Amino acid sequence: MEIIYEDKDIAVLEKPVGMDSEKDVPKALQAQLGGSFYPVHRLDQNVGGVMVYARNQKAAAELSRQIQNGSFQKEYVALVHGTPEETGDWTDLLFKDSRKNKVFVVKKERTGVKKARLTYQRLTAGEQSLVRIRLYTGRSHQIRVQFASRGYPLVGDHKYGSKAKETAPMLYSCGLQFDLKGQKHFEKLPDWAEG
């Protein structure tokens, strides 16, 4: 697991696909760096990318506060089927069926329904297009569902409609920006999104 940055308050790393961000990663950080690590955001097990972990409760509380008020910025790259518009600003109502571990776009607000917003910019166009996404809300499977519901499932995301040979969604957390004793910005692209 590659450590991108560390100080006494935080550790920023590249989470590999296949690791549980709430259980496996803190254990691996503890083994690698020593001390305690607190998850403040999560990534699906089958998604990799840049994550930050707090090393104390004060840093965890501050990062959690920034996530709640929207000043903590999260950006992703994804490879989607088809060619979406060049840019988009999408707000949907999402409902998670916990028994099926699947999320659906719904039309009406009701118990268990949460508002989800993202913006994106298309970077390449074709049968498969590369998009860069800014997440404003952190809902379960949000990016995967919002793109699939419009006919652009993520390549490799068989749960939401991809027929591609890839075995995991082509989705990667590529950028984090937050303020903790000064503005911090971390960025890393996966091999499949470079070039």
C-alpha atoms as a PDB file:
ATOM      1  CA  MET A   1       0.000   0.000   0.000  1.00  0.00           C
ATOM      2  CA  GLU A   2       1.594   3.275  -1.099  1.00  0.00           C
ATOM      3  CA  ILE A   3       1.715   6.064   1.493  1.00  0.00           C
ATOM      4  CA  ILE A   4       1.479   9.400  -0.361  1.00  0.00           C
ATOM      5  CA  TYR A   5       1.820  11.688   2.670  1.00  0.00           C
ATOM      6  CA  GLU A   6       1.920  11.440   6.451  1.00  0.00           C
ATOM      7  CA  ASP A   7       2.267  13.702   9.452  1.00  0.00           C
ATOM      8  CA  LYS A   8       1.211  13.453  13.110  1.00  0.00           C
ATOM      9  CA  ASP A   9      -2.472  14.096  12.220  1.00  0.00           C
ATOM     10  CA  ILE A  10      -3.139  12.231   8.967  1.00  0.00           C
ATOM     11  CA  ALA A  11      -1.960   9.571   6.546  1.00  0.00           C
ATOM     12  CA  VAL A  12      -2.846   9.800   2.838  1.00  0.00           C
ATOM     13  CA  LEU A  13      -2.490   6.641   0.794  1.00  0.00           C
ATOM     14  CA  GLU A  14      -3.486   4.854  -2.368  1.00  0.00           C
ATOM     15  CA  LYS A  15      -6.027   2.183  -1.406  1.00  0.00           C
ATOM     16  CA  PRO A  16      -5.659  -0.926  -3.582  1.00  0.00           C
ATOM     17  CA  VAL A  17      -8.730  -2.544  -5.151  1.00  0.00           C
ATOM     18  CA  GLY A  18      -9.850  -5.465  -2.968  1.00  0.00           C
ATOM     19  CA  MET A  19      -9.113  -3.942   0.445  1.00  0.00           C
ATOM     20  CA  ASP A  20     -11.936  -2.960   2.803  1.00  0.00           C
ATOM     21  CA  SER A  21     -11.412   0.754   3.537  1.00  0.00           C
ATOM     22  CA  GLU A  22     -12.896   0.573   7.040  1.00  0.00           C
ATOM     23  CA  LYS A  23     -11.271  -2.665   8.300  1.00  0.00           C
ATOM     24  CA  ASP A  24      -8.275  -3.796   6.213  1.00  0.00           C
ATOM     25  CA  VAL A  25      -6.698  -0.400   5.510  1.00  0.00           C
ATOM     26  CA  PRO A  26      -6.510   0.867   9.142  1.00  0.00           C
ATOM     27  CA  LYS A  27      -4.931  -2.489  10.133  1.00  0.00           C
ATOM     28  CA  ALA A  28      -2.393  -2.246   7.299  1.00  0.00           C
ATOM     29  CA  LEU A  29      -1.579   1.368   8.252  1.00  0.00           C
ATOM     30  CA  GLN A  30      -1.106   0.368  11.873  1.00  0.00           C
ATOM     31  CA  ALA A  31       1.301  -2.400  10.815  1.00  0.00           C
ATOM     32  CA  GLN A  32       3.178  -0.057   8.461  1.00  0.00           C
ATOM     33  CA  LEU A  33       3.310   3.178  10.500  1.00  0.00           C
ATOM     34  CA  GLY A  34       2.214   2.272  14.040  1.00  0.00           C
ATOM     35  CA  GLY A  35      -0.436   4.087  16.076  1.00  0.00           C
ATOM     36  CA  SER A  36      -4.187   4.388  15.530  1.00  0.00           C
ATOM     37  CA  PHE A  37      -6.011   5.299  12.316  1.00  0.00           C
ATOM     38  CA  TYR A  38      -9.575   6.565  11.969  1.00  0.00           C
ATOM     39  CA  PRO A  39     -11.488   6.269   8.677  1.00  0.00           C
ATOM     40  CA  VAL A  40     -13.327   9.516   7.835  1.00  0.00           C
ATOM     41  CA  HIS A  41     -14.632   8.491   4.387  1.00  0.00           C
ATOM     42  CA  ARG A  42     -14.899   5.187   2.549  1.00  0.00           C
ATOM     43  CA  LEU A  43     -14.404   3.552  -0.832  1.00  0.00           C
ATOM     44  CA  ASP A  44     -16.128   0.392  -2.024  1.00  0.00           C
ATOM     45  CA  GLN A  45     -13.909  -2.675  -1.701  1.00  0.00           C
ATOM     46  CA  ASN A  46     -13.727  -3.060  -5.511  1.00  0.00           C
ATOM     47  CA  VAL A  47     -12.635   0.599  -6.011  1.00  0.00           C
ATOM     48  CA  GLY A  48      -9.124   1.968  -5.453  1.00  0.00           C
ATOM     49  CA  GLY A  49      -7.665   5.403  -5.025  1.00  0.00           C
ATOM     50  CA  VAL A  50      -6.529   8.240  -2.797  1.00  0.00           C
ATOM     51  CA  MET A  51      -7.858   8.226   0.781  1.00  0.00           C
ATOM     52  CA  VAL A  52      -7.044  10.082   3.990  1.00  0.00           C
ATOM     53  CA  TYR A  53      -7.092   8.586   7.486  1.00  0.00           C
ATOM     54  CA  ALA A  54      -6.935  10.590  10.710  1.00  0.00           C
ATOM     55  CA  ARG A  55      -4.278   9.621  13.255  1.00  0.00           C
ATOM     56  CA  ASN A  56      -6.117  11.119  16.224  1.00  0.00           C
ATOM     57  CA  GLN A  57      -9.688  11.930  17.225  1.00  0.00           C
ATOM     58  CA  LYS A  58      -9.254  15.691  16.858  1.00  0.00           C
ATOM     59  CA  ALA A  59      -8.173  15.363  13.197  1.00  0.00           C
ATOM     60  CA  ALA A  60     -10.976  12.832  12.590  1.00  0.00           C
ATOM     61  CA  ALA A  61     -13.564  15.256  13.994  1.00  0.00           C
ATOM     62  CA  GLU A  62     -12.258  18.160  11.877  1.00  0.00           C
ATOM     63  CA  LEU A  63     -12.167  16.127   8.637  1.00  0.00           C
ATOM     64  CA  SER A  64     -15.644  14.735   9.369  1.00  0.00           C
ATOM     65  CA  ARG A  65     -16.923  18.281   9.924  1.00  0.00           C
ATOM     66  CA  GLN A  66     -15.516  19.363   6.534  1.00  0.00           C
ATOM     67  CA  ILE A  67     -17.108  16.355   4.824  1.00  0.00           C
ATOM     68  CA  GLN A  68     -20.471  17.278   6.406  1.00  0.00           C
ATOM     69  CA  ASN A  69     -20.298  20.954   5.398  1.00  0.00           C
ATOM     70  CA  GLY A  70     -19.040  20.231   1.855  1.00  0.00           C
ATOM     71  CA  SER A  71     -15.624  21.916   2.091  1.00  0.00           C
ATOM     72  CA  PHE A  72     -13.800  18.538   1.809  1.00  0.00           C
ATOM     73  CA  GLN A  73     -13.507  17.929  -1.964  1.00  0.00           C
ATOM     74  CA  LYS A  74     -13.442  14.443  -3.497  1.00  0.00           C
ATOM     75  CA  GLU A  75     -12.750  13.817  -7.186  1.00  0.00           C
ATOM     76  CA  TYR A  76     -12.805  10.609  -9.194  1.00  0.00           C
ATOM     77  CA  VAL A  77     -12.049   9.355 -12.670  1.00  0.00           C
ATOM     78  CA  ALA A  78     -14.209   6.708 -14.303  1.00  0.00           C
ATOM     79  CA  LEU A  79     -14.333   4.889 -17.613  1.00  0.00           C
ATOM     80  CA  VAL A  80     -17.952   4.679 -18.778  1.00  0.00           C
ATOM     81  CA  HIS A  81     -19.715   2.961 -21.667  1.00  0.00           C
ATOM     82  CA  GLY A  82     -20.877   5.414 -24.330  1.00  0.00           C
ATOM     83  CA  THR A  83     -20.355   9.154 -24.642  1.00  0.00           C
ATOM     84  CA  PRO A  84     -22.089  11.372 -22.084  1.00  0.00           C
ATOM     85  CA  GLU A  85     -22.464  15.127 -22.646  1.00  0.00           C
ATOM     86  CA  GLU A  86     -19.241  17.102 -22.284  1.00  0.00           C
ATOM     87  CA  THR A  87     -20.170  18.322 -18.795  1.00  0.00           C
ATOM     88  CA  GLY A  88     -22.956  17.577 -16.350  1.00  0.00           C
ATOM     89  CA  ASP A  89     -24.403  18.549 -12.982  1.00  0.00           C
ATOM     90  CA  TRP A  90     -26.666  15.739 -11.788  1.00  0.00           C
ATOM     91  CA  THR A  91     -28.885  15.598  -8.706  1.00  0.00           C
ATOM     92  CA  ASP A  92     -30.896  12.441  -8.055  1.00  0.00           C
ATOM     93  CA  LEU A  93     -32.824  10.772  -5.263  1.00  0.00           C
ATOM     94  CA  LEU A  94     -31.203   7.435  -4.352  1.00  0.00           C
ATOM     95  CA  PHE A  95     -32.635   4.518  -2.406  1.00  0.00           C
ATOM     96  CA  LYS A  96     -30.441   1.675  -1.142  1.00  0.00           C
ATOM     97  CA  ASP A  97     -31.893  -1.835  -0.944  1.00  0.00           C
ATOM     98  CA  SER A  98     -29.657  -3.232   1.809  1.00  0.00           C
ATOM     99  CA  ARG A  99     -30.774  -6.835   1.260  1.00  0.00           C
ATOM    100  CA  LYS A 100     -29.575  -6.752  -2.363  1.00  0.00           C
ATOM    101  CA  ASN A 101     -26.749  -4.239  -1.680  1.00  0.00           C
ATOM    102  CA  LYS A 102     -27.991  -2.304  -4.684  1.00  0.00           C
ATOM    103  CA  VAL A 103     -28.948   1.348  -5.099  1.00  0.00           C
ATOM    104  CA  PHE A 104     -31.744   2.737  -7.281  1.00  0.00           C
ATOM    105  CA  VAL A 105     -32.681   6.191  -8.576  1.00  0.00           C
ATOM    106  CA  VAL A 106     -36.234   6.960  -7.420  1.00  0.00           C
ATOM    107  CA  LYS A 107     -38.668   9.771  -8.237  1.00  0.00           C
ATOM    108  CA  LYS A 108     -40.067  10.699  -4.803  1.00  0.00           C
ATOM    109  CA  GLU A 109     -38.607  11.459  -1.396  1.00  0.00           C
ATOM    110  CA  ARG A 110     -39.550   8.919   1.270  1.00  0.00           C
ATOM    111  CA  THR A 111     -37.921   7.159   4.224  1.00  0.00           C
ATOM    112  CA  GLY A 112     -34.458   5.911   3.291  1.00  0.00           C
ATOM    113  CA  VAL A 113     -34.163   8.103   0.164  1.00  0.00           C
ATOM    114  CA  LYS A 114     -31.181  10.460   0.009  1.00  0.00           C
ATOM    115  CA  LYS A 115     -30.331  13.309  -2.332  1.00  0.00           C
ATOM    116  CA  ALA A 116     -27.139  12.782  -4.366  1.00  0.00           C
ATOM    117  CA  ARG A 117     -25.218  15.348  -6.425  1.00  0.00           C
ATOM    118  CA  LEU A 118     -22.164  15.190  -8.664  1.00  0.00           C
ATOM    119  CA  THR A 119     -20.646  17.220 -11.469  1.00  0.00           C
ATOM    120  CA  TYR A 120     -18.431  15.808 -14.189  1.00  0.00           C
ATOM    121  CA  GLN A 121     -16.336  16.708 -17.209  1.00  0.00           C
ATOM    122  CA  ARG A 122     -15.801  14.284 -20.077  1.00  0.00           C
ATOM    123  CA  LEU A 123     -12.081  13.937 -20.893  1.00  0.00           C
ATOM    124  CA  THR A 124     -12.286  11.523 -23.841  1.00  0.00           C
ATOM    125  CA  ALA A 125     -15.139  10.372 -26.075  1.00  0.00           C
ATOM    126  CA  GLY A 126     -15.908   7.064 -27.776  1.00  0.00           C
ATOM    127  CA  GLU A 127     -17.425   3.652 -27.104  1.00  0.00           C
ATOM    128  CA  GLN A 128     -15.785   4.081 -23.726  1.00  0.00           C
ATOM    129  CA  SER A 129     -15.306   7.604 -22.366  1.00  0.00           C
ATOM    130  CA  LEU A 130     -13.107   8.870 -19.546  1.00  0.00           C
ATOM    131  CA  VAL A 131     -14.825  11.281 -17.152  1.00  0.00           C
ATOM    132  CA  ARG A 132     -13.595  13.258 -14.153  1.00  0.00           C
ATOM    133  CA  ILE A 133     -16.177  13.581 -11.402  1.00  0.00           C
ATOM    134  CA  ARG A 134     -16.559  15.841  -8.369  1.00  0.00           C
ATOM    135  CA  LEU A 135     -18.711  14.337  -5.656  1.00  0.00           C
ATOM    136  CA  TYR A 136     -20.794  16.675  -3.477  1.00  0.00           C
ATOM    137  CA  THR A 137     -22.532  13.917  -1.499  1.00  0.00           C
ATOM    138  CA  GLY A 138     -21.073  10.563  -0.529  1.00  0.00           C
ATOM    139  CA  ARG A 139     -23.888   8.100  -1.136  1.00  0.00           C
ATOM    140  CA  SER A 140     -23.406   4.355  -1.462  1.00  0.00           C
ATOM    141  CA  HIS A 141     -22.590   3.417  -5.101  1.00  0.00           C
ATOM    142  CA  GLN A 142     -23.504   7.003  -6.061  1.00  0.00           C
ATOM    143  CA  ILE A 143     -21.278   7.486  -9.130  1.00  0.00           C
ATOM    144  CA  ARG A 144     -22.002   3.985 -10.390  1.00  0.00           C
ATOM    145  CA  VAL A 145     -25.790   4.430 -10.111  1.00  0.00           C
ATOM    146  CA  GLN A 146     -26.021   7.985 -11.417  1.00  0.00           C
ATOM    147  CA  PHE A 147     -24.086   7.131 -14.593  1.00  0.00           C
ATOM    148  CA  ALA A 148     -25.797   3.748 -15.127  1.00  0.00           C
ATOM    149  CA  SER A 149     -29.277   5.284 -14.705  1.00  0.00           C
ATOM    150  CA  ARG A 150     -28.532   7.545 -17.699  1.00  0.00           C
ATOM    151  CA  GLY A 151     -27.259   4.710 -19.897  1.00  0.00           C
ATOM    152  CA  TYR A 152     -23.523   5.110 -19.169  1.00  0.00           C
ATOM    153  CA  PRO A 153     -22.614   2.239 -16.820  1.00  0.00           C
ATOM    154  CA  LEU A 154     -19.036   2.138 -15.600  1.00  0.00           C
ATOM    155  CA  VAL A 155     -16.852  -0.282 -17.545  1.00  0.00           C
ATOM    156  CA  GLY A 156     -16.521  -3.462 -15.462  1.00  0.00           C
ATOM    157  CA  ASP A 157     -19.472  -2.637 -13.189  1.00  0.00           C
ATOM    158  CA  HIS A 158     -21.555  -5.788 -13.755  1.00  0.00           C
ATOM    159  CA  LYS A 159     -23.918  -4.952 -10.883  1.00  0.00           C
ATOM    160  CA  TYR A 160     -25.116  -1.869 -12.783  1.00  0.00           C
ATOM    161  CA  GLY A 161     -25.158  -3.036 -16.397  1.00  0.00           C
ATOM    162  CA  SER A 162     -21.621  -3.340 -17.801  1.00  0.00           C
ATOM    163  CA  LYS A 163     -20.982  -6.312 -20.097  1.00  0.00           C
ATOM    164  CA  ALA A 164     -17.224  -5.617 -20.330  1.00  0.00           C
ATOM    165  CA  LYS A 165     -14.603  -8.245 -19.455  1.00  0.00           C
ATOM    166  CA  GLU A 166     -13.144  -6.161 -16.582  1.00  0.00           C
ATOM    167  CA  THR A 167     -14.009  -7.650 -13.196  1.00  0.00           C
ATOM    168  CA  ALA A 168     -14.255  -4.405 -11.162  1.00  0.00           C
ATOM    169  CA  PRO A 169     -15.721  -0.961 -11.910  1.00  0.00           C
ATOM    170  CA  MET A 170     -13.242   1.333 -13.667  1.00  0.00           C
ATOM    171  CA  LEU A 171     -13.566   3.969 -10.954  1.00  0.00           C
ATOM    172  CA  TYR A 172     -10.758   5.589  -8.993  1.00  0.00           C
ATOM    173  CA  SER A 173     -10.574   8.244  -6.258  1.00  0.00           C
ATOM    174  CA  CYS A 174      -8.018  10.573  -7.865  1.00  0.00           C
ATOM    175  CA  GLY A 175      -8.147  13.780  -5.821  1.00  0.00           C
ATOM    176  CA  LEU A 176      -8.704  15.041  -2.282  1.00  0.00           C
ATOM    177  CA  GLN A 177      -8.661  18.623  -1.062  1.00  0.00           C
ATOM    178  CA  PHE A 178      -9.234  19.786   2.508  1.00  0.00           C
ATOM    179  CA  ASP A 179      -7.900  22.222   5.089  1.00  0.00           C
ATOM    180  CA  LEU A 180      -6.043  20.788   8.064  1.00  0.00           C
ATOM    181  CA  LYS A 181      -3.405  23.196   9.390  1.00  0.00           C
ATOM    182  CA  GLY A 182      -3.285  24.641   5.887  1.00  0.00           C
ATOM    183  CA  GLN A 183      -4.811  23.689   2.549  1.00  0.00           C
ATOM    184  CA  LYS A 184      -3.925  20.162   1.441  1.00  0.00           C
ATOM    185  CA  HIS A 185      -4.369  18.782  -2.082  1.00  0.00           C
ATOM    186  CA  PHE A 186      -3.489  15.247  -3.168  1.00  0.00           C
ATOM    187  CA  GLU A 187      -3.837  13.848  -6.661  1.00  0.00           C
ATOM    188  CA  LYS A 188      -2.955  10.544  -8.316  1.00  0.00           C
ATOM    189  CA  LEU A 189      -4.295   8.937 -11.490  1.00  0.00           C
ATOM    190  CA  PRO A 190      -4.486   5.207 -12.176  1.00  0.00           C
ATOM    191  CA  ASP A 191      -2.514   3.822 -15.150  1.00  0.00           C
ATOM    192  CA  TRP A 192      -5.699   3.375 -17.200  1.00  0.00           C
ATOM    193  CA  ALA A 193      -6.561   7.099 -16.955  1.00  0.00           C
ATOM    194  CA  GLU A 194      -3.152   8.552 -17.856  1.00  0.00           C
ATOM    195  CA  GLY A 195      -2.101   9.698 -21.299  1.00  0.00           C
END
